[in-house]
Amino acid sequence: GAHAVLEYQLFYRRRYAEAAFASCQGVRLPATGGYAIATMCGRYGAQLCTAQRWLDFQGDKNNGLAPLQIDFQLLPNGSEPG
């Protein structure tokens, strides 16, 4: 039979996730002047968005963009998965 990946877990160190989020947080859309992150954080919008909420929205298969469910796990800095 055919096999397919329907969901997977992705492990990031918290420091990496926070830095990636911070690099996007202040970006504005030229057309509207609003923050790009507002469209990338689902119901939380720009003001309540956090690194975890940002990643959760990106990995949500119901957001109309993600091809499959991605469960982002943020690890304490200095730790390893498993």
N, C-alpha and C. Protein backbone atom coordinates (compact mmCIF):
# COMPACT_ATOMS: atom_id res chain seq x y z
N GLY A 1 0.81 -1.18 0.00
CA GLY A 1 0.00 0.00 0.00
C GLY A 1 0.87 1.26 0.00
N ALA A 2 0.27 2.34 -0.34
CA ALA A 2 0.96 3.63 -0.37
C ALA A 2 1.08 4.19 1.04
N HIS A 3 2.18 4.88 1.28
CA HIS A 3 2.42 5.52 2.57
C HIS A 3 2.56 7.02 2.35
N ALA A 4 2.13 7.78 3.33
CA ALA A 4 2.24 9.23 3.24
C ALA A 4 2.46 9.80 4.63
N VAL A 5 3.19 10.91 4.69
CA VAL A 5 3.37 11.64 5.94
C VAL A 5 2.20 12.62 6.06
N LEU A 6 1.47 12.55 7.17
CA LEU A 6 0.33 13.42 7.39
C LEU A 6 0.62 14.48 8.44
N GLU A 7 1.62 14.22 9.29
CA GLU A 7 1.95 15.14 10.37
C GLU A 7 3.37 14.83 10.83
N TYR A 8 4.08 15.86 11.27
CA TYR A 8 5.38 15.60 11.87
C TYR A 8 5.70 16.62 12.93
N GLN A 9 6.66 16.27 13.79
CA GLN A 9 7.11 17.17 14.84
C GLN A 9 8.43 17.79 14.42
N LEU A 10 8.57 19.06 14.71
CA LEU A 10 9.79 19.79 14.40
C LEU A 10 10.30 20.41 15.69
N PHE A 11 11.55 20.13 16.02
CA PHE A 11 12.14 20.61 17.26
C PHE A 11 13.05 21.80 16.99
N TYR A 12 12.77 22.90 17.67
CA TYR A 12 13.61 24.10 17.61
C TYR A 12 14.06 24.44 19.02
N ARG A 13 15.26 24.95 19.14
CA ARG A 13 15.64 25.53 20.42
C ARG A 13 14.87 26.84 20.56
N ARG A 14 14.44 27.12 21.79
CA ARG A 14 13.66 28.34 22.04
C ARG A 14 14.40 29.58 21.55
N ARG A 15 15.71 29.65 21.76
CA ARG A 15 16.50 30.81 21.35
C ARG A 15 16.38 31.04 19.84
N TYR A 16 16.44 29.96 19.05
CA TYR A 16 16.32 30.07 17.59
C TYR A 16 14.93 30.56 17.20
N ALA A 17 13.90 29.97 17.80
CA ALA A 17 12.53 30.35 17.47
C ALA A 17 12.26 31.81 17.82
N GLU A 18 12.73 32.24 18.99
CA GLU A 18 12.53 33.63 19.41
C GLU A 18 13.26 34.59 18.49
N ALA A 19 14.48 34.24 18.05
CA ALA A 19 15.25 35.10 17.15
C ALA A 19 14.58 35.19 15.77
N ALA A 20 14.07 34.06 15.27
CA ALA A 20 13.39 34.06 13.98
C ALA A 20 12.12 34.92 14.06
N PHE A 21 11.38 34.76 15.15
CA PHE A 21 10.17 35.55 15.35
C PHE A 21 10.51 37.04 15.44
N ALA A 22 11.53 37.38 16.20
CA ALA A 22 11.93 38.78 16.37
C ALA A 22 12.34 39.41 15.05
N SER A 23 12.96 38.63 14.17
CA SER A 23 13.40 39.17 12.89
C SER A 23 12.22 39.52 11.98
N CYS A 24 11.07 38.91 12.21
CA CYS A 24 9.88 39.16 11.39
C CYS A 24 8.90 40.12 12.05
N GLN A 25 9.00 40.27 13.35
CA GLN A 25 7.98 40.97 14.13
C GLN A 25 7.74 42.41 13.69
N GLY A 26 8.79 43.14 13.29
CA GLY A 26 8.63 44.54 12.94
C GLY A 26 8.41 44.82 11.47
N VAL A 27 8.31 43.78 10.65
CA VAL A 27 8.15 43.96 9.20
C VAL A 27 6.73 44.44 8.90
N ARG A 28 6.64 45.49 8.09
CA ARG A 28 5.33 46.04 7.71
C ARG A 28 5.04 45.76 6.23
N LEU A 29 3.76 45.61 5.93
CA LEU A 29 3.32 45.42 4.55
C LEU A 29 3.19 46.79 3.89
N PRO A 30 3.89 47.03 2.79
CA PRO A 30 3.83 48.34 2.13
C PRO A 30 2.41 48.75 1.72
N ALA A 31 1.62 47.80 1.30
CA ALA A 31 0.28 48.11 0.80
C ALA A 31 -0.64 48.66 1.89
N THR A 32 -0.49 48.15 3.11
CA THR A 32 -1.41 48.53 4.19
C THR A 32 -0.73 49.29 5.33
N GLY A 33 0.57 49.13 5.46
CA GLY A 33 1.29 49.72 6.58
C GLY A 33 1.17 48.90 7.85
N GLY A 34 0.35 47.84 7.81
CA GLY A 34 0.19 46.96 8.97
C GLY A 34 1.34 45.98 9.08
N TYR A 35 1.43 45.32 10.21
CA TYR A 35 2.49 44.34 10.43
C TYR A 35 2.19 43.04 9.71
N ALA A 36 3.20 42.53 9.02
CA ALA A 36 3.06 41.26 8.30
C ALA A 36 2.74 40.12 9.27
N ILE A 37 3.29 40.19 10.47
CA ILE A 37 3.10 39.12 11.45
C ILE A 37 1.62 38.95 11.81
N ALA A 38 0.83 40.01 11.64
CA ALA A 38 -0.60 39.94 11.97
C ALA A 38 -1.31 38.88 11.12
N THR A 39 -0.86 38.70 9.89
CA THR A 39 -1.48 37.71 9.01
C THR A 39 -0.86 36.33 9.19
N MET A 40 0.20 36.25 9.99
CA MET A 40 0.94 34.99 10.16
C MET A 40 0.76 34.41 11.55
N CYS A 41 -0.20 34.93 12.32
CA CYS A 41 -0.37 34.47 13.70
C CYS A 41 -1.82 34.12 14.01
N GLY A 42 -2.63 33.98 12.96
CA GLY A 42 -4.02 33.57 13.18
C GLY A 42 -4.80 34.54 14.04
N ARG A 43 -5.59 34.01 14.94
CA ARG A 43 -6.50 34.82 15.74
C ARG A 43 -5.78 35.75 16.71
N TYR A 44 -4.48 35.56 16.95
CA TYR A 44 -3.76 36.39 17.90
C TYR A 44 -3.35 37.74 17.34
N GLY A 45 -3.27 37.85 16.02
CA GLY A 45 -2.85 39.10 15.42
C GLY A 45 -1.44 39.49 15.83
N ALA A 46 -1.06 40.72 15.55
CA ALA A 46 0.31 41.17 15.81
C ALA A 46 0.57 41.40 17.30
N GLN A 47 -0.41 41.93 18.02
CA GLN A 47 -0.17 42.31 19.41
C GLN A 47 0.00 41.13 20.35
N LEU A 48 -0.74 40.06 20.14
CA LEU A 48 -0.68 38.91 21.04
C LEU A 48 0.17 37.77 20.50
N CYS A 49 0.82 37.99 19.37
CA CYS A 49 1.62 36.94 18.76
C CYS A 49 2.89 36.68 19.58
N THR A 50 3.25 35.41 19.68
CA THR A 50 4.51 34.98 20.31
C THR A 50 5.18 34.02 19.33
N ALA A 51 6.41 33.66 19.61
CA ALA A 51 7.12 32.71 18.74
C ALA A 51 6.34 31.40 18.63
N GLN A 52 5.83 30.88 19.74
CA GLN A 52 5.09 29.62 19.71
C GLN A 52 3.80 29.75 18.92
N ARG A 53 3.06 30.83 19.13
CA ARG A 53 1.80 31.03 18.40
C ARG A 53 2.04 31.23 16.92
N TRP A 54 3.12 31.92 16.56
CA TRP A 54 3.50 32.14 15.17
C TRP A 54 3.80 30.81 14.49
N LEU A 55 4.59 29.96 15.15
CA LEU A 55 4.92 28.66 14.58
C LEU A 55 3.70 27.75 14.53
N ASP A 56 2.88 27.79 15.58
CA ASP A 56 1.67 26.95 15.59
C ASP A 56 0.77 27.28 14.42
N PHE A 57 0.60 28.57 14.12
CA PHE A 57 -0.23 28.96 12.98
C PHE A 57 0.38 28.49 11.67
N GLN A 58 1.68 28.63 11.52
CA GLN A 58 2.34 28.20 10.29
C GLN A 58 2.21 26.69 10.07
N GLY A 59 2.18 25.94 11.16
CA GLY A 59 2.09 24.49 11.05
C GLY A 59 0.69 23.93 11.08
N ASP A 60 -0.31 24.80 11.14
CA ASP A 60 -1.71 24.36 11.22
C ASP A 60 -2.23 24.03 9.82
N LYS A 61 -2.57 22.78 9.60
CA LYS A 61 -3.04 22.35 8.27
C LYS A 61 -4.34 23.04 7.87
N ASN A 62 -5.03 23.67 8.82
CA ASN A 62 -6.29 24.36 8.52
C ASN A 62 -6.10 25.83 8.17
N ASN A 63 -4.84 26.29 8.05
CA ASN A 63 -4.60 27.71 7.76
C ASN A 63 -4.68 28.02 6.26
N GLY A 64 -4.86 27.00 5.44
CA GLY A 64 -4.96 27.20 4.01
C GLY A 64 -3.61 27.25 3.30
N LEU A 65 -2.52 27.13 4.05
CA LEU A 65 -1.18 27.22 3.47
C LEU A 65 -0.32 26.00 3.76
N ALA A 66 -0.38 25.47 4.96
CA ALA A 66 0.46 24.34 5.34
C ALA A 66 0.00 23.07 4.62
N PRO A 67 0.92 22.34 4.00
CA PRO A 67 0.54 21.13 3.26
C PRO A 67 0.20 19.95 4.18
N LEU A 68 0.65 20.01 5.43
CA LEU A 68 0.35 18.99 6.42
C LEU A 68 0.55 19.58 7.81
N GLN A 69 0.10 18.88 8.83
CA GLN A 69 0.20 19.38 10.19
C GLN A 69 1.65 19.29 10.67
N ILE A 70 2.18 20.41 11.19
CA ILE A 70 3.53 20.45 11.74
C ILE A 70 3.42 20.87 13.20
N ASP A 71 3.90 20.01 14.08
CA ASP A 71 3.86 20.26 15.52
C ASP A 71 5.23 20.80 15.94
N PHE A 72 5.31 22.12 16.14
CA PHE A 72 6.57 22.75 16.53
C PHE A 72 6.78 22.62 18.03
N GLN A 73 7.89 22.01 18.42
CA GLN A 73 8.25 21.84 19.82
C GLN A 73 9.44 22.73 20.12
N LEU A 74 9.27 23.67 21.06
CA LEU A 74 10.37 24.55 21.43
C LEU A 74 11.09 23.97 22.63
N LEU A 75 12.37 23.70 22.45
CA LEU A 75 13.18 23.09 23.49
C LEU A 75 13.88 24.16 24.33
N PRO A 76 14.06 23.91 25.60
CA PRO A 76 14.86 24.83 26.40
C PRO A 76 16.26 24.97 25.77
N ASN A 77 16.83 26.15 25.84
CA ASN A 77 18.15 26.36 25.27
C ASN A 77 19.15 25.40 25.90
N GLY A 78 19.98 24.80 25.07
CA GLY A 78 21.01 23.88 25.55
C GLY A 78 20.55 22.45 25.65
N SER A 79 19.26 22.17 25.42
CA SER A 79 18.77 20.78 25.50
C SER A 79 18.73 20.16 24.12
N GLU A 80 18.53 18.86 24.10
CA GLU A 80 18.43 18.10 22.84
C GLU A 80 17.10 17.37 22.81
N PRO A 81 16.51 17.15 21.62
CA PRO A 81 15.26 16.39 21.54
C PRO A 81 15.47 14.97 22.04
N GLY A 82 14.41 14.41 22.60
CA GLY A 82 14.46 13.02 23.06
C GLY A 82 14.89 12.96 24.48
